[in-house]
Amino acid sequence: MAKKRKSRIPKSVKLVVRVFIILFVLMIAFVGFRYYRRYAIQSEQIRQAQLQRQQEQAKLLKQRKAFIKKIGPIAREVDKSYDLLPSITIAQACLESNYGQSDLSQKYNNLFGVKGTNPNTSAVMTTKEYVKDKWVTVKARFQIYDSYEASIRAHARLFQNGTTWNHDQYKHVLASKDYKTQAKALVTDGYATDPDYADKLINLIEQFDLEKYDK
């Protein structure tokens, strides 16, 4: 009985298969490299963005601390004569002037958004106010001061003297002996229209350890 011959694969076919395998491996390697390169680029972009945010946050924090350091001693000196807590005054200045960055504070040294009536000592600017349970943009006339100290003194006198229609307007503010009580009294006595005003002040005081100015 004759033996069956083993079928041989032509060399040309083997060559084609080898080339195909090599090309397939190269394609996989190329795709993998492209994926890795894209991943590496995206990772670096994310890292750079995070680094930039950290640098911006550090710069912002440094700027805010510098503002507090500037007005802190002024508030401590002024408030001791008016039954006010410097921590509250500083927190109010930070909140209402955006740490001295608002146009009103930079152009006119007005740290607390104090309104004015005399055209010779005031300027018209746009502001936001909380009216009927919502924030609205309005134009109003604001007082001009020649320094931060003048603004802080006028702010202190407001609480001491009250309003033209009620000299005891801020009696609960003046009677408060700690920053949490005084912050809440500002809302109770009608100083602020923002319902979250007291909480914002308290958070600022605790974040920057402003209570040290009360001692």
N, C-alpha and C. Protein backbone atom coordinates (compact mmCIF):
# COMPACT_ATOMS: atom_id res chain seq x y z
N MET A 1 0.86 -1.19 0.00
CA MET A 1 0.00 0.00 0.00
C MET A 1 0.88 1.23 0.00
N ALA A 2 0.61 2.15 -0.86
CA ALA A 2 1.47 3.34 -1.00
C ALA A 2 1.25 4.30 0.14
N LYS A 3 2.37 4.87 0.60
CA LYS A 3 2.28 5.85 1.69
C LYS A 3 1.78 7.18 1.15
N LYS A 4 0.94 7.83 2.00
CA LYS A 4 0.45 9.15 1.60
C LYS A 4 1.54 10.18 1.79
N ARG A 5 1.67 10.98 0.81
CA ARG A 5 2.67 12.05 0.91
C ARG A 5 2.15 13.18 1.81
N LYS A 6 3.04 13.64 2.65
CA LYS A 6 2.67 14.79 3.50
C LYS A 6 2.58 16.04 2.64
N SER A 7 1.48 16.76 2.83
CA SER A 7 1.32 17.99 2.03
C SER A 7 2.25 19.06 2.56
N ARG A 8 2.91 19.64 1.67
CA ARG A 8 3.82 20.73 2.04
C ARG A 8 3.19 22.08 1.73
N ILE A 9 3.41 23.01 2.72
CA ILE A 9 2.90 24.37 2.52
C ILE A 9 3.92 25.13 1.68
N PRO A 10 3.50 25.66 0.63
CA PRO A 10 4.43 26.39 -0.24
C PRO A 10 5.14 27.50 0.54
N LYS A 11 6.38 27.72 0.17
CA LYS A 11 7.17 28.75 0.84
C LYS A 11 6.54 30.13 0.70
N SER A 12 5.94 30.36 -0.42
CA SER A 12 5.31 31.68 -0.65
C SER A 12 4.19 31.94 0.35
N VAL A 13 3.44 30.85 0.67
CA VAL A 13 2.34 30.99 1.64
C VAL A 13 2.91 31.24 3.03
N LYS A 14 3.97 30.49 3.36
CA LYS A 14 4.61 30.70 4.66
C LYS A 14 5.11 32.12 4.80
N LEU A 15 5.67 32.63 3.73
CA LEU A 15 6.19 34.00 3.75
C LEU A 15 5.07 35.01 3.98
N VAL A 16 3.96 34.77 3.28
CA VAL A 16 2.80 35.67 3.43
C VAL A 16 2.30 35.63 4.86
N VAL A 17 2.24 34.42 5.44
CA VAL A 17 1.76 34.28 6.83
C VAL A 17 2.69 35.00 7.79
N ARG A 18 4.00 34.83 7.58
CA ARG A 18 4.97 35.50 8.45
C ARG A 18 4.85 37.02 8.35
N VAL A 19 4.73 37.47 7.11
CA VAL A 19 4.58 38.92 6.91
C VAL A 19 3.32 39.43 7.60
N PHE A 20 2.24 38.64 7.44
CA PHE A 20 0.98 39.03 8.07
C PHE A 20 1.12 39.10 9.59
N ILE A 21 1.79 38.08 10.17
CA ILE A 21 1.98 38.06 11.63
C ILE A 21 2.82 39.26 12.08
N ILE A 22 3.88 39.53 11.33
CA ILE A 22 4.74 40.67 11.67
C ILE A 22 3.96 41.97 11.59
N LEU A 23 3.20 42.11 10.50
CA LEU A 23 2.40 43.33 10.34
C LEU A 23 1.36 43.46 11.45
N PHE A 24 0.75 42.33 11.83
CA PHE A 24 -0.25 42.34 12.90
C PHE A 24 0.37 42.77 14.23
N VAL A 25 1.55 42.19 14.52
CA VAL A 25 2.26 42.55 15.76
C VAL A 25 2.64 44.03 15.74
N LEU A 26 3.13 44.49 14.59
CA LEU A 26 3.50 45.91 14.47
C LEU A 26 2.29 46.82 14.64
N MET A 27 1.15 46.38 14.08
CA MET A 27 -0.07 47.18 14.21
C MET A 27 -0.51 47.26 15.67
N ILE A 28 -0.46 46.10 16.35
CA ILE A 28 -0.82 46.09 17.77
C ILE A 28 0.11 47.00 18.56
N ALA A 29 1.41 46.91 18.25
CA ALA A 29 2.40 47.75 18.95
C ALA A 29 2.14 49.22 18.68
N PHE A 30 1.79 49.54 17.42
CA PHE A 30 1.53 50.93 17.05
C PHE A 30 0.31 51.47 17.77
N VAL A 31 -0.76 50.66 17.78
CA VAL A 31 -1.98 51.06 18.47
C VAL A 31 -1.71 51.24 19.97
N GLY A 32 -0.94 50.28 20.53
CA GLY A 32 -0.61 50.38 21.95
C GLY A 32 0.22 51.63 22.26
N PHE A 33 1.15 51.94 21.36
CA PHE A 33 1.98 53.13 21.55
C PHE A 33 1.14 54.40 21.47
N ARG A 34 0.23 54.43 20.46
CA ARG A 34 -0.64 55.61 20.33
C ARG A 34 -1.50 55.79 21.57
N TYR A 35 -2.03 54.68 22.08
CA TYR A 35 -2.87 54.74 23.28
C TYR A 35 -2.05 55.21 24.47
N TYR A 36 -0.87 54.65 24.64
CA TYR A 36 0.00 55.03 25.76
C TYR A 36 0.39 56.49 25.66
N ARG A 37 0.72 56.93 24.43
CA ARG A 37 1.13 58.33 24.22
C ARG A 37 -0.02 59.28 24.55
N ARG A 38 -1.22 58.91 24.08
CA ARG A 38 -2.39 59.75 24.38
C ARG A 38 -2.66 59.78 25.87
N TYR A 39 -2.54 58.62 26.53
CA TYR A 39 -2.76 58.54 27.98
C TYR A 39 -1.71 59.37 28.71
N ALA A 40 -0.45 59.29 28.26
CA ALA A 40 0.63 60.05 28.89
C ALA A 40 0.40 61.55 28.74
N ILE A 41 -0.04 61.96 27.54
CA ILE A 41 -0.30 63.38 27.29
C ILE A 41 -1.45 63.88 28.16
N GLN A 42 -2.53 63.08 28.21
CA GLN A 42 -3.69 63.46 29.03
C GLN A 42 -3.32 63.53 30.50
N SER A 43 -2.52 62.57 30.95
CA SER A 43 -2.08 62.55 32.35
C SER A 43 -1.25 63.79 32.68
N GLU A 44 -0.38 64.16 31.74
CA GLU A 44 0.46 65.34 31.95
C GLU A 44 -0.39 66.62 31.93
N GLN A 45 -1.39 66.67 31.06
CA GLN A 45 -2.27 67.83 31.01
C GLN A 45 -3.05 67.96 32.32
N ILE A 46 -3.53 66.83 32.83
CA ILE A 46 -4.26 66.84 34.11
C ILE A 46 -3.34 67.28 35.24
N ARG A 47 -2.11 66.76 35.22
CA ARG A 47 -1.14 67.13 36.26
C ARG A 47 -0.82 68.62 36.21
N GLN A 48 -0.65 69.15 35.00
CA GLN A 48 -0.34 70.57 34.84
C GLN A 48 -1.52 71.44 35.28
N ALA A 49 -2.75 70.99 34.95
CA ALA A 49 -3.94 71.73 35.36
C ALA A 49 -4.08 71.74 36.87
N GLN A 50 -3.83 70.60 37.50
CA GLN A 50 -3.89 70.52 38.97
C GLN A 50 -2.83 71.41 39.60
N LEU A 51 -1.63 71.39 39.02
CA LEU A 51 -0.54 72.22 39.53
C LEU A 51 -0.88 73.69 39.41
N GLN A 52 -1.48 74.07 38.28
CA GLN A 52 -1.87 75.47 38.07
C GLN A 52 -2.93 75.89 39.07
N ARG A 53 -3.92 74.99 39.31
CA ARG A 53 -4.97 75.29 40.29
C ARG A 53 -4.38 75.46 41.68
N GLN A 54 -3.44 74.59 42.02
CA GLN A 54 -2.79 74.68 43.33
C GLN A 54 -2.03 75.99 43.47
N GLN A 55 -1.34 76.40 42.41
CA GLN A 55 -0.58 77.65 42.44
C GLN A 55 -1.52 78.84 42.55
N GLU A 56 -2.64 78.78 41.82
CA GLU A 56 -3.62 79.87 41.88
C GLU A 56 -4.26 79.94 43.27
N GLN A 57 -4.57 78.78 43.84
CA GLN A 57 -5.15 78.75 45.18
C GLN A 57 -4.17 79.27 46.22
N ALA A 58 -2.90 78.89 46.06
CA ALA A 58 -1.87 79.36 46.99
C ALA A 58 -1.70 80.88 46.87
N LYS A 59 -1.74 81.38 45.65
CA LYS A 59 -1.62 82.82 45.42
C LYS A 59 -2.81 83.56 46.02
N LEU A 60 -4.01 82.99 45.82
CA LEU A 60 -5.23 83.59 46.34
C LEU A 60 -5.21 83.60 47.87
N LEU A 61 -4.78 82.49 48.47
CA LEU A 61 -4.71 82.40 49.92
C LEU A 61 -3.72 83.41 50.48
N LYS A 62 -2.58 83.55 49.82
CA LYS A 62 -1.56 84.51 50.24
C LYS A 62 -2.10 85.93 50.16
N GLN A 63 -2.84 86.21 49.10
CA GLN A 63 -3.43 87.53 48.91
C GLN A 63 -4.45 87.83 50.00
N ARG A 64 -5.26 86.84 50.34
CA ARG A 64 -6.29 87.02 51.37
C ARG A 64 -5.67 87.22 52.74
N LYS A 65 -4.64 86.45 53.04
CA LYS A 65 -3.96 86.59 54.32
C LYS A 65 -3.28 87.96 54.44
N ALA A 66 -2.75 88.45 53.32
CA ALA A 66 -2.10 89.77 53.32
C ALA A 66 -3.13 90.86 53.61
N PHE A 67 -4.34 90.71 53.05
CA PHE A 67 -5.41 91.69 53.31
C PHE A 67 -5.80 91.68 54.78
N ILE A 68 -5.95 90.48 55.33
CA ILE A 68 -6.31 90.35 56.75
C ILE A 68 -5.22 90.95 57.64
N LYS A 69 -3.98 90.67 57.28
CA LYS A 69 -2.86 91.21 58.06
C LYS A 69 -2.83 92.73 58.01
N LYS A 70 -3.30 93.30 56.91
CA LYS A 70 -3.31 94.75 56.75
C LYS A 70 -4.40 95.41 57.58
N ILE A 71 -5.61 94.85 57.55
CA ILE A 71 -6.72 95.51 58.24
C ILE A 71 -6.91 95.02 59.67
N GLY A 72 -6.32 93.87 60.01
CA GLY A 72 -6.49 93.31 61.36
C GLY A 72 -6.13 94.26 62.47
N PRO A 73 -4.93 94.82 62.46
CA PRO A 73 -4.53 95.76 63.52
C PRO A 73 -5.42 97.01 63.57
N ILE A 74 -5.88 97.46 62.40
CA ILE A 74 -6.76 98.64 62.35
C ILE A 74 -8.08 98.33 63.03
N ALA A 75 -8.66 97.19 62.70
CA ALA A 75 -9.93 96.78 63.31
C ALA A 75 -9.79 96.61 64.81
N ARG A 76 -8.69 96.03 65.26
CA ARG A 76 -8.46 95.82 66.70
C ARG A 76 -8.39 97.17 67.42
N GLU A 77 -7.70 98.13 66.84
CA GLU A 77 -7.54 99.45 67.46
C GLU A 77 -8.85 100.21 67.49
N VAL A 78 -9.59 100.17 66.39
CA VAL A 78 -10.84 100.94 66.28
C VAL A 78 -11.95 100.33 67.12
N ASP A 79 -12.12 99.02 67.03
CA ASP A 79 -13.28 98.37 67.64
C ASP A 79 -13.27 98.34 69.16
N LYS A 80 -12.09 98.47 69.76
CA LYS A 80 -12.04 98.40 71.23
C LYS A 80 -12.82 99.54 71.89
N SER A 81 -13.09 100.60 71.15
CA SER A 81 -13.84 101.75 71.70
C SER A 81 -15.33 101.67 71.38
N TYR A 82 -15.74 100.65 70.64
CA TYR A 82 -17.13 100.61 70.17
C TYR A 82 -17.90 99.33 70.54
N ASP A 83 -17.40 98.54 71.45
CA ASP A 83 -18.07 97.29 71.85
C ASP A 83 -18.29 96.34 70.68
N LEU A 84 -17.36 96.37 69.74
CA LEU A 84 -17.43 95.48 68.59
C LEU A 84 -16.25 94.50 68.63
N LEU A 85 -16.45 93.35 68.04
CA LEU A 85 -15.39 92.35 67.98
C LEU A 85 -14.61 92.51 66.67
N PRO A 86 -13.31 92.71 66.75
CA PRO A 86 -12.49 92.85 65.54
C PRO A 86 -12.65 91.68 64.57
N SER A 87 -12.83 90.49 65.10
CA SER A 87 -12.98 89.31 64.23
C SER A 87 -14.18 89.48 63.31
N ILE A 88 -15.26 90.04 63.84
CA ILE A 88 -16.46 90.26 63.04
C ILE A 88 -16.20 91.34 61.99
N THR A 89 -15.56 92.42 62.39
CA THR A 89 -15.27 93.51 61.45
C THR A 89 -14.38 93.02 60.31
N ILE A 90 -13.35 92.26 60.65
CA ILE A 90 -12.43 91.75 59.64
C ILE A 90 -13.16 90.80 58.70
N ALA A 91 -13.97 89.91 59.26
CA ALA A 91 -14.71 88.96 58.43
C ALA A 91 -15.69 89.68 57.51
N GLN A 92 -16.33 90.73 58.03
CA GLN A 92 -17.24 91.52 57.20
C GLN A 92 -16.49 92.19 56.05
N ALA A 93 -15.33 92.74 56.36
CA ALA A 93 -14.53 93.40 55.32
C ALA A 93 -14.11 92.39 54.25
N CYS A 94 -13.70 91.21 54.68
CA CYS A 94 -13.30 90.16 53.73
C CYS A 94 -14.46 89.77 52.83
N LEU A 95 -15.60 89.55 53.44
CA LEU A 95 -16.77 89.09 52.71
C LEU A 95 -17.32 90.16 51.77
N GLU A 96 -17.45 91.38 52.28
CA GLU A 96 -18.13 92.43 51.53
C GLU A 96 -17.24 93.13 50.50
N SER A 97 -15.94 93.04 50.67
CA SER A 97 -15.04 93.67 49.69
C SER A 97 -14.27 92.63 48.87
N ASN A 98 -14.60 91.35 49.08
CA ASN A 98 -13.86 90.27 48.43
C ASN A 98 -12.37 90.40 48.72
N TYR A 99 -12.06 90.54 50.00
CA TYR A 99 -10.68 90.65 50.48
C TYR A 99 -9.95 91.84 49.84
N GLY A 100 -10.69 92.95 49.72
CA GLY A 100 -10.07 94.16 49.18
C GLY A 100 -9.94 94.18 47.68
N GLN A 101 -10.59 93.24 46.97
CA GLN A 101 -10.47 93.17 45.52
C GLN A 101 -11.65 93.79 44.77
N SER A 102 -12.70 94.16 45.47
CA SER A 102 -13.85 94.76 44.80
C SER A 102 -13.50 96.15 44.28
N ASP A 103 -14.19 96.59 43.24
CA ASP A 103 -13.96 97.93 42.69
C ASP A 103 -14.22 98.99 43.74
N LEU A 104 -15.24 98.77 44.55
CA LEU A 104 -15.62 99.74 45.58
C LEU A 104 -14.51 99.94 46.61
N SER A 105 -13.86 98.85 46.99
CA SER A 105 -12.80 98.96 47.99
C SER A 105 -11.50 99.47 47.38
N GLN A 106 -11.22 99.07 46.14
CA GLN A 106 -9.97 99.49 45.51
C GLN A 106 -10.01 100.95 45.06
N LYS A 107 -11.15 101.38 44.56
CA LYS A 107 -11.26 102.77 44.06
C LYS A 107 -11.58 103.76 45.17
N TYR A 108 -12.42 103.33 46.13
CA TYR A 108 -12.95 104.29 47.11
C TYR A 108 -12.74 103.88 48.56
N ASN A 109 -11.96 102.83 48.83
CA ASN A 109 -11.66 102.36 50.19
C ASN A 109 -12.91 102.00 50.99
N ASN A 110 -13.99 101.72 50.30
CA ASN A 110 -15.25 101.37 50.95
C ASN A 110 -15.29 99.85 51.12
N LEU A 111 -15.02 99.38 52.34
CA LEU A 111 -14.92 97.95 52.60
C LEU A 111 -16.25 97.26 52.87
N PHE A 112 -17.26 98.05 53.24
CA PHE A 112 -18.50 97.44 53.73
C PHE A 112 -19.74 97.78 52.89
N GLY A 113 -19.54 98.33 51.73
CA GLY A 113 -20.68 98.65 50.88
C GLY A 113 -21.58 99.70 51.47
N VAL A 114 -20.98 100.66 52.19
CA VAL A 114 -21.78 101.73 52.84
C VAL A 114 -22.32 102.68 51.77
N LYS A 115 -23.62 102.93 51.84
CA LYS A 115 -24.27 103.82 50.88
C LYS A 115 -23.98 105.28 51.23
N GLY A 116 -24.11 106.15 50.23
CA GLY A 116 -23.91 107.58 50.42
C GLY A 116 -25.01 108.37 49.74
N THR A 117 -25.12 109.63 50.08
CA THR A 117 -26.16 110.48 49.47
C THR A 117 -25.58 111.74 48.84
N ASN A 118 -24.47 112.21 49.41
CA ASN A 118 -23.84 113.43 48.90
C ASN A 118 -23.03 113.12 47.64
N PRO A 119 -23.38 113.72 46.50
CA PRO A 119 -22.65 113.45 45.26
C PRO A 119 -21.17 113.81 45.34
N ASN A 120 -20.81 114.72 46.26
CA ASN A 120 -19.42 115.14 46.39
C ASN A 120 -18.56 114.11 47.14
N THR A 121 -19.20 113.27 47.92
CA THR A 121 -18.45 112.28 48.72
C THR A 121 -18.92 110.85 48.46
N SER A 122 -19.55 110.63 47.32
CA SER A 122 -20.04 109.29 47.00
C SER A 122 -19.97 109.06 45.49
N ALA A 123 -20.12 107.82 45.11
CA ALA A 123 -20.04 107.45 43.69
C ALA A 123 -21.10 106.39 43.38
N VAL A 124 -21.64 106.43 42.17
CA VAL A 124 -22.66 105.46 41.76
C VAL A 124 -21.98 104.22 41.18
N MET A 125 -22.39 103.06 41.70
CA MET A 125 -21.82 101.79 41.24
C MET A 125 -22.92 100.73 41.20
N THR A 126 -22.62 99.64 40.50
CA THR A 126 -23.56 98.51 40.41
C THR A 126 -23.25 97.51 41.51
N THR A 127 -24.30 96.99 42.12
CA THR A 127 -24.12 96.01 43.20
C THR A 127 -25.26 95.00 43.17
N LYS A 128 -25.11 93.94 43.97
CA LYS A 128 -26.17 92.94 44.11
C LYS A 128 -26.74 93.00 45.51
N GLU A 129 -28.07 92.94 45.60
CA GLU A 129 -28.74 92.96 46.89
C GLU A 129 -29.78 91.85 46.95
N TYR A 130 -29.98 91.33 48.15
CA TYR A 130 -30.93 90.24 48.35
C TYR A 130 -32.29 90.84 48.69
N VAL A 131 -33.20 90.81 47.72
CA VAL A 131 -34.51 91.45 47.88
C VAL A 131 -35.61 90.44 47.56
N LYS A 132 -36.55 90.30 48.46
CA LYS A 132 -37.69 89.39 48.28
C LYS A 132 -37.24 87.99 47.88
N ASP A 133 -36.33 87.45 48.67
CA ASP A 133 -35.87 86.07 48.53
C ASP A 133 -35.08 85.79 47.25
N LYS A 134 -34.50 86.82 46.66
CA LYS A 134 -33.65 86.59 45.48
C LYS A 134 -32.64 87.72 45.32
N TRP A 135 -31.54 87.41 44.62
CA TRP A 135 -30.50 88.39 44.38
C TRP A 135 -30.85 89.22 43.14
N VAL A 136 -30.74 90.53 43.28
CA VAL A 136 -31.01 91.42 42.15
C VAL A 136 -29.85 92.40 41.99
N THR A 137 -29.60 92.82 40.76
CA THR A 137 -28.54 93.78 40.47
C THR A 137 -29.14 95.18 40.43
N VAL A 138 -28.55 96.08 41.20
CA VAL A 138 -29.07 97.46 41.26
C VAL A 138 -27.91 98.45 41.19
N LYS A 139 -28.25 99.67 40.83
CA LYS A 139 -27.28 100.76 40.87
C LYS A 139 -27.55 101.60 42.10
N ALA A 140 -26.50 101.93 42.82
CA ALA A 140 -26.66 102.68 44.06
C ALA A 140 -25.47 103.61 44.26
N ARG A 141 -25.65 104.58 45.13
CA ARG A 141 -24.58 105.54 45.43
C ARG A 141 -23.86 105.09 46.71
N PHE A 142 -22.53 104.98 46.62
CA PHE A 142 -21.74 104.49 47.74
C PHE A 142 -20.75 105.54 48.23
N GLN A 143 -20.52 105.50 49.54
CA GLN A 143 -19.65 106.46 50.20
C GLN A 143 -18.18 106.28 49.78
N ILE A 144 -17.47 107.39 49.66
CA ILE A 144 -16.05 107.38 49.34
C ILE A 144 -15.27 107.67 50.62
N TYR A 145 -14.21 106.87 50.88
CA TYR A 145 -13.35 107.09 52.05
C TYR A 145 -11.91 107.29 51.58
N ASP A 146 -11.14 108.02 52.40
CA ASP A 146 -9.76 108.28 52.01
C ASP A 146 -8.79 107.19 52.46
N SER A 147 -9.30 106.22 53.25
CA SER A 147 -8.43 105.12 53.71
C SER A 147 -9.30 103.99 54.25
N TYR A 148 -8.67 102.83 54.42
CA TYR A 148 -9.36 101.70 55.05
C TYR A 148 -9.75 102.04 56.48
N GLU A 149 -8.89 102.75 57.17
CA GLU A 149 -9.18 103.10 58.56
C GLU A 149 -10.43 103.95 58.65
N ALA A 150 -10.57 104.90 57.74
CA ALA A 150 -11.76 105.76 57.73
C ALA A 150 -13.01 104.92 57.50
N SER A 151 -12.90 103.93 56.63
CA SER A 151 -14.04 103.06 56.35
C SER A 151 -14.41 102.23 57.58
N ILE A 152 -13.40 101.71 58.27
CA ILE A 152 -13.64 100.88 59.45
C ILE A 152 -14.22 101.72 60.59
N ARG A 153 -13.73 102.95 60.75
CA ARG A 153 -14.28 103.84 61.80
C ARG A 153 -15.73 104.19 61.53
N ALA A 154 -16.05 104.50 60.29
CA ALA A 154 -17.44 104.82 59.93
C ALA A 154 -18.33 103.60 60.17
N HIS A 155 -17.81 102.44 59.87
CA HIS A 155 -18.54 101.19 60.09
C HIS A 155 -18.83 100.99 61.58
N ALA A 156 -17.84 101.26 62.41
CA ALA A 156 -18.01 101.11 63.86
C ALA A 156 -19.02 102.12 64.41
N ARG A 157 -18.93 103.35 63.91
CA ARG A 157 -19.87 104.40 64.38
C ARG A 157 -21.31 104.06 64.01
N LEU A 158 -21.48 103.39 62.88
CA LEU A 158 -22.83 103.00 62.47
C LEU A 158 -23.49 102.13 63.53
N PHE A 159 -22.75 101.16 64.04
CA PHE A 159 -23.31 100.27 65.06
C PHE A 159 -23.49 101.00 66.39
N GLN A 160 -22.58 101.91 66.70
CA GLN A 160 -22.66 102.64 67.96
C GLN A 160 -23.83 103.63 67.95
N ASN A 161 -24.03 104.32 66.85
CA ASN A 161 -25.05 105.38 66.78
C ASN A 161 -26.40 104.89 66.27
N GLY A 162 -26.42 103.73 65.61
CA GLY A 162 -27.67 103.25 65.06
C GLY A 162 -28.04 104.00 63.79
N THR A 163 -29.28 103.85 63.38
CA THR A 163 -29.76 104.52 62.17
C THR A 163 -30.49 105.81 62.55
N THR A 164 -30.80 106.61 61.55
CA THR A 164 -31.49 107.88 61.81
C THR A 164 -32.90 107.65 62.35
N TRP A 165 -33.46 106.50 62.03
CA TRP A 165 -34.82 106.22 62.50
C TRP A 165 -34.85 105.35 63.76
N ASN A 166 -33.70 104.79 64.15
CA ASN A 166 -33.66 103.96 65.35
C ASN A 166 -32.23 103.91 65.88
N HIS A 167 -31.97 104.67 66.94
CA HIS A 167 -30.62 104.72 67.50
C HIS A 167 -30.22 103.40 68.19
N ASP A 168 -31.21 102.57 68.51
CA ASP A 168 -30.93 101.27 69.13
C ASP A 168 -31.02 100.13 68.12
N GLN A 169 -30.87 100.45 66.85
CA GLN A 169 -31.01 99.47 65.79
C GLN A 169 -30.12 98.24 66.01
N TYR A 170 -28.90 98.48 66.51
CA TYR A 170 -27.93 97.38 66.61
C TYR A 170 -27.60 97.04 68.08
N LYS A 171 -28.60 97.13 68.92
CA LYS A 171 -28.38 96.88 70.35
C LYS A 171 -27.95 95.43 70.62
N HIS A 172 -28.48 94.49 69.84
CA HIS A 172 -28.09 93.09 70.05
C HIS A 172 -26.66 92.84 69.58
N VAL A 173 -26.25 93.57 68.55
CA VAL A 173 -24.87 93.45 68.07
C VAL A 173 -23.92 93.94 69.16
N LEU A 174 -24.20 95.11 69.73
CA LEU A 174 -23.33 95.71 70.75
C LEU A 174 -23.33 94.90 72.05
N ALA A 175 -24.42 94.18 72.30
CA ALA A 175 -24.50 93.40 73.54
C ALA A 175 -23.82 92.04 73.42
N SER A 176 -23.49 91.63 72.22
CA SER A 176 -22.88 90.31 72.00
C SER A 176 -21.44 90.28 72.47
N LYS A 177 -21.04 89.20 73.10
CA LYS A 177 -19.70 89.07 73.65
C LYS A 177 -18.83 88.02 72.95
N ASP A 178 -19.40 87.31 72.00
CA ASP A 178 -18.59 86.36 71.23
C ASP A 178 -18.97 86.47 69.76
N TYR A 179 -18.09 86.01 68.88
CA TYR A 179 -18.28 86.26 67.45
C TYR A 179 -19.49 85.54 66.86
N LYS A 180 -19.85 84.38 67.38
CA LYS A 180 -20.99 83.66 66.84
C LYS A 180 -22.30 84.41 67.14
N THR A 181 -22.39 84.88 68.38
CA THR A 181 -23.59 85.63 68.77
C THR A 181 -23.67 86.95 68.02
N GLN A 182 -22.53 87.63 67.87
CA GLN A 182 -22.54 88.92 67.18
C GLN A 182 -22.85 88.75 65.69
N ALA A 183 -22.35 87.68 65.10
CA ALA A 183 -22.63 87.42 63.69
C ALA A 183 -24.13 87.23 63.47
N LYS A 184 -24.77 86.46 64.34
CA LYS A 184 -26.21 86.23 64.21
C LYS A 184 -27.01 87.49 64.52
N ALA A 185 -26.48 88.32 65.44
CA ALA A 185 -27.18 89.56 65.79
C ALA A 185 -27.20 90.54 64.62
N LEU A 186 -26.20 90.48 63.76
CA LEU A 186 -26.18 91.34 62.57
C LEU A 186 -27.39 91.09 61.68
N VAL A 187 -27.79 89.82 61.60
CA VAL A 187 -28.97 89.47 60.82
C VAL A 187 -30.24 89.84 61.59
N THR A 188 -30.24 89.54 62.89
CA THR A 188 -31.40 89.85 63.74
C THR A 188 -31.71 91.34 63.74
N ASP A 189 -30.67 92.16 63.80
CA ASP A 189 -30.85 93.61 63.88
C ASP A 189 -31.01 94.26 62.51
N GLY A 190 -31.03 93.47 61.45
CA GLY A 190 -31.34 94.01 60.13
C GLY A 190 -30.17 94.60 59.37
N TYR A 191 -28.93 94.30 59.80
CA TYR A 191 -27.79 94.85 59.07
C TYR A 191 -27.65 94.19 57.69
N ALA A 192 -27.82 92.86 57.65
CA ALA A 192 -27.62 92.11 56.41
C ALA A 192 -28.93 91.59 55.85
N THR A 193 -29.02 91.56 54.51
CA THR A 193 -30.21 91.00 53.85
C THR A 193 -29.97 89.55 53.43
N ASP A 194 -28.71 89.13 53.37
CA ASP A 194 -28.38 87.76 52.99
C ASP A 194 -28.68 86.83 54.16
N PRO A 195 -29.59 85.86 53.98
CA PRO A 195 -29.96 84.96 55.10
C PRO A 195 -28.79 84.09 55.58
N ASP A 196 -27.77 83.92 54.75
CA ASP A 196 -26.61 83.10 55.13
C ASP A 196 -25.44 83.94 55.64
N TYR A 197 -25.70 85.22 55.86
CA TYR A 197 -24.64 86.16 56.22
C TYR A 197 -23.88 85.73 57.48
N ALA A 198 -24.60 85.37 58.52
CA ALA A 198 -23.97 85.00 59.79
C ALA A 198 -23.07 83.77 59.62
N ASP A 199 -23.58 82.77 58.93
CA ASP A 199 -22.79 81.55 58.72
C ASP A 199 -21.52 81.84 57.92
N LYS A 200 -21.61 82.72 56.96
CA LYS A 200 -20.45 83.08 56.14
C LYS A 200 -19.38 83.76 57.00
N LEU A 201 -19.81 84.65 57.89
CA LEU A 201 -18.86 85.33 58.78
C LEU A 201 -18.19 84.34 59.73
N ILE A 202 -18.99 83.47 60.31
CA ILE A 202 -18.46 82.48 61.26
C ILE A 202 -17.44 81.58 60.57
N ASN A 203 -17.76 81.15 59.35
CA ASN A 203 -16.84 80.28 58.61
C ASN A 203 -15.52 80.99 58.32
N LEU A 204 -15.59 82.27 57.96
CA LEU A 204 -14.37 83.03 57.68
C LEU A 204 -13.53 83.19 58.95
N ILE A 205 -14.18 83.49 60.04
CA ILE A 205 -13.47 83.68 61.32
C ILE A 205 -12.75 82.40 61.71
N GLU A 206 -13.40 81.28 61.55
CA GLU A 206 -12.79 80.01 61.93
C GLU A 206 -11.73 79.55 60.92
N GLN A 207 -11.94 79.86 59.65
CA GLN A 207 -10.98 79.48 58.63
C GLN A 207 -9.64 80.19 58.81
N PHE A 208 -9.71 81.50 59.14
CA PHE A 208 -8.49 82.30 59.25
C PHE A 208 -8.09 82.62 60.69
N ASP A 209 -8.76 81.96 61.64
CA ASP A 209 -8.45 82.15 63.06
C ASP A 209 -8.48 83.63 63.43
N LEU A 210 -9.55 84.31 63.05
CA LEU A 210 -9.67 85.76 63.30
C LEU A 210 -10.00 86.07 64.76
N GLU A 211 -10.40 85.07 65.51
CA GLU A 211 -10.74 85.29 66.92
C GLU A 211 -9.52 85.81 67.69
N LYS A 212 -8.32 85.55 67.20
CA LYS A 212 -7.11 86.01 67.89
C LYS A 212 -7.07 87.53 67.98
N TYR A 213 -7.77 88.22 67.08
CA TYR A 213 -7.80 89.68 67.11
C TYR A 213 -8.73 90.21 68.22
N ASP A 214 -9.54 89.32 68.77
CA ASP A 214 -10.47 89.73 69.84
C ASP A 214 -9.79 89.73 71.20
N LYS A 215 -8.58 89.17 71.29
CA LYS A 215 -7.92 88.99 72.58
C LYS A 215 -6.91 90.10 72.85
